[in-house]
Amino acid sequence: MSVTAVVGANWGDEGKGKITDYLAGQADVVVRFQGGNNAGHTVINDHGKFALHLLPSGVFHSGVINVLGPGVAVNIPALLAERRDLLSRGVPEPRLRVS
């Protein structure tokens, strides 16, 4: 089994979300391991343009399990609002797990 990790060292502005969205199409699991909803990343794909704040970029791929890891500060109302926004825009229900 191989593992690919996308980790930034530039305060989050180096395109981790975009590259993770690209790689997620070939992944079984995408894990967000730290942070909160005070920041985010923009992903542009076949579904449109999205600003994600809590959800991992793998949410756009129906076969991927998306995990919010133990280092993520989960704001439940913000998480539910982000999920609702995706669903209202035609993104399939993400497979989401919270560690």
C-alpha atoms as a PDB file:
ATOM      1  CA  MET A   1       0.000   0.000   0.000  1.00  0.00           C
ATOM      2  CA  SER A   2       1.343   3.436  -0.880  1.00  0.00           C
ATOM      3  CA  VAL A   3       0.615   6.767   0.792  1.00  0.00           C
ATOM      4  CA  THR A   4       0.820  10.220  -0.771  1.00  0.00           C
ATOM      5  CA  ALA A   5       0.970  13.189   1.603  1.00  0.00           C
ATOM      6  CA  VAL A   6       0.427  16.782   0.513  1.00  0.00           C
ATOM      7  CA  VAL A   7       1.849  19.027   3.231  1.00  0.00           C
ATOM      8  CA  GLY A   8       2.484  22.750   2.914  1.00  0.00           C
ATOM      9  CA  ALA A   9       5.128  24.904   4.510  1.00  0.00           C
ATOM     10  CA  ASN A  10       3.972  28.282   3.261  1.00  0.00           C
ATOM     11  CA  TRP A  11       1.052  29.238   5.544  1.00  0.00           C
ATOM     12  CA  GLY A  12      -1.429  27.460   3.282  1.00  0.00           C
ATOM     13  CA  ASP A  13      -1.077  29.579   0.159  1.00  0.00           C
ATOM     14  CA  GLU A  14       0.789  27.079  -1.973  1.00  0.00           C
ATOM     15  CA  GLY A  15      -2.146  25.298  -3.626  1.00  0.00           C
ATOM     16  CA  LYS A  16      -2.557  22.220  -1.399  1.00  0.00           C
ATOM     17  CA  GLY A  17      -6.317  22.105  -1.953  1.00  0.00           C
ATOM     18  CA  LYS A  18      -6.022  22.198  -5.722  1.00  0.00           C
ATOM     19  CA  ILE A  19      -3.389  19.467  -5.908  1.00  0.00           C
ATOM     20  CA  THR A  20      -5.284  17.356  -3.354  1.00  0.00           C
ATOM     21  CA  ASP A  21      -8.454  17.658  -5.454  1.00  0.00           C
ATOM     22  CA  TYR A  22      -6.468  16.454  -8.471  1.00  0.00           C
ATOM     23  CA  LEU A  23      -4.882  13.521  -6.611  1.00  0.00           C
ATOM     24  CA  ALA A  24      -8.123  12.569  -4.810  1.00  0.00           C
ATOM     25  CA  GLY A  25      -9.528  11.058  -7.986  1.00  0.00           C
ATOM     26  CA  GLN A  26      -7.004   8.240  -7.550  1.00  0.00           C
ATOM     27  CA  ALA A  27      -7.285   7.944  -3.741  1.00  0.00           C
ATOM     28  CA  ASP A  28      -9.301   5.803  -1.361  1.00  0.00           C
ATOM     29  CA  VAL A  29      -9.053   8.210   1.591  1.00  0.00           C
ATOM     30  CA  VAL A  30      -8.369  11.954   1.912  1.00  0.00           C
ATOM     31  CA  VAL A  31      -7.545  13.206   5.418  1.00  0.00           C
ATOM     32  CA  ARG A  32      -7.462  16.756   6.679  1.00  0.00           C
ATOM     33  CA  PHE A  33      -5.198  16.637   9.704  1.00  0.00           C
ATOM     34  CA  GLN A  34      -5.201  20.145  11.190  1.00  0.00           C
ATOM     35  CA  GLY A  35      -6.694  23.638  11.181  1.00  0.00           C
ATOM     36  CA  GLY A  36     -10.159  25.096  11.434  1.00  0.00           C
ATOM     37  CA  ASN A  37     -12.706  26.937   9.344  1.00  0.00           C
ATOM     38  CA  ASN A  38     -10.997  30.317   9.720  1.00  0.00           C
ATOM     39  CA  ALA A  39      -9.097  29.714   6.490  1.00  0.00           C
ATOM     40  CA  GLY A  40      -9.757  27.656   3.411  1.00  0.00           C
ATOM     41  CA  HIS A  41      -8.884  26.870  -0.128  1.00  0.00           C
ATOM     42  CA  THR A  42     -10.528  27.353  -3.484  1.00  0.00           C
ATOM     43  CA  VAL A  43     -11.125  24.395  -5.761  1.00  0.00           C
ATOM     44  CA  ILE A  44     -12.310  24.706  -9.345  1.00  0.00           C
ATOM     45  CA  ASN A  45     -13.496  21.494 -10.969  1.00  0.00           C
ATOM     46  CA  ASP A  46     -16.325  20.077 -13.095  1.00  0.00           C
ATOM     47  CA  HIS A  47     -18.819  20.938 -10.325  1.00  0.00           C
ATOM     48  CA  GLY A  48     -17.830  24.623 -10.274  1.00  0.00           C
ATOM     49  CA  LYS A  49     -15.791  26.924  -8.059  1.00  0.00           C
ATOM     50  CA  PHE A  50     -15.845  26.203  -4.331  1.00  0.00           C
ATOM     51  CA  ALA A  51     -14.259  27.718  -1.237  1.00  0.00           C
ATOM     52  CA  LEU A  52     -13.745  24.879   1.233  1.00  0.00           C
ATOM     53  CA  HIS A  53     -13.085  25.732   4.871  1.00  0.00           C
ATOM     54  CA  LEU A  54     -13.406  22.427   6.741  1.00  0.00           C
ATOM     55  CA  LEU A  55     -14.134  19.665   4.255  1.00  0.00           C
ATOM     56  CA  PRO A  56     -11.206  17.868   2.605  1.00  0.00           C
ATOM     57  CA  SER A  57     -10.830  18.294  -1.171  1.00  0.00           C
ATOM     58  CA  GLY A  58     -11.748  14.646  -1.686  1.00  0.00           C
ATOM     59  CA  VAL A  59     -15.453  15.494  -1.186  1.00  0.00           C
ATOM     60  CA  PHE A  60     -15.833  16.009  -4.936  1.00  0.00           C
ATOM     61  CA  HIS A  61     -15.006  12.355  -5.658  1.00  0.00           C
ATOM     62  CA  SER A  62     -17.827   9.945  -4.761  1.00  0.00           C
ATOM     63  CA  GLY A  63     -15.606   6.921  -4.024  1.00  0.00           C
ATOM     64  CA  VAL A  64     -13.336   8.724  -1.568  1.00  0.00           C
ATOM     65  CA  ILE A  65     -13.659   8.531   2.214  1.00  0.00           C
ATOM     66  CA  ASN A  66     -12.974  12.010   3.635  1.00  0.00           C
ATOM     67  CA  VAL A  67     -11.670  12.233   7.195  1.00  0.00           C
ATOM     68  CA  LEU A  68     -11.487  15.221   9.517  1.00  0.00           C
ATOM     69  CA  GLY A  69      -8.554  14.202  11.704  1.00  0.00           C
ATOM     70  CA  PRO A  70      -7.885  14.827  15.386  1.00  0.00           C
ATOM     71  CA  GLY A  71      -6.040  18.101  14.716  1.00  0.00           C
ATOM     72  CA  VAL A  72      -9.017  19.752  13.017  1.00  0.00           C
ATOM     73  CA  ALA A  73     -11.046  22.236  15.062  1.00  0.00           C
ATOM     74  CA  VAL A  74     -14.530  21.222  13.900  1.00  0.00           C
ATOM     75  CA  ASN A  75     -17.113  24.012  14.001  1.00  0.00           C
ATOM     76  CA  ILE A  76     -20.289  21.912  13.628  1.00  0.00           C
ATOM     77  CA  PRO A  77     -22.590  24.682  12.258  1.00  0.00           C
ATOM     78  CA  ALA A  78     -19.917  25.708   9.728  1.00  0.00           C
ATOM     79  CA  LEU A  79     -19.330  22.073   8.719  1.00  0.00           C
ATOM     80  CA  LEU A  80     -23.043  21.445   8.166  1.00  0.00           C
ATOM     81  CA  ALA A  81     -23.426  24.697   6.192  1.00  0.00           C
ATOM     82  CA  GLU A  82     -20.465  23.798   3.966  1.00  0.00           C
ATOM     83  CA  ARG A  83     -21.938  20.346   3.317  1.00  0.00           C
ATOM     84  CA  ARG A  84     -25.371  21.840   2.526  1.00  0.00           C
ATOM     85  CA  ASP A  85     -23.783  24.261   0.075  1.00  0.00           C
ATOM     86  CA  LEU A  86     -22.063  21.411  -1.789  1.00  0.00           C
ATOM     87  CA  LEU A  87     -25.261  19.368  -1.985  1.00  0.00           C
ATOM     88  CA  SER A  88     -27.318  22.354  -3.166  1.00  0.00           C
ATOM     89  CA  ARG A  89     -24.847  22.819  -6.014  1.00  0.00           C
ATOM     90  CA  GLY A  90     -25.113  19.226  -7.234  1.00  0.00           C
ATOM     91  CA  VAL A  91     -22.073  17.667  -5.572  1.00  0.00           C
ATOM     92  CA  PRO A  92     -22.871  14.060  -4.533  1.00  0.00           C
ATOM     93  CA  GLU A  93     -23.174  13.335  -0.796  1.00  0.00           C
ATOM     94  CA  PRO A  94     -19.595  13.101   0.486  1.00  0.00           C
ATOM     95  CA  ARG A  95     -18.407  10.085   2.464  1.00  0.00           C
ATOM     96  CA  LEU A  96     -17.342  11.944   5.590  1.00  0.00           C
ATOM     97  CA  ARG A  97     -15.816  10.630   8.800  1.00  0.00           C
ATOM     98  CA  VAL A  98     -14.698  12.545  11.884  1.00  0.00           C
ATOM     99  CA  SER A  99     -11.832  11.055  13.880  1.00  0.00           C
END
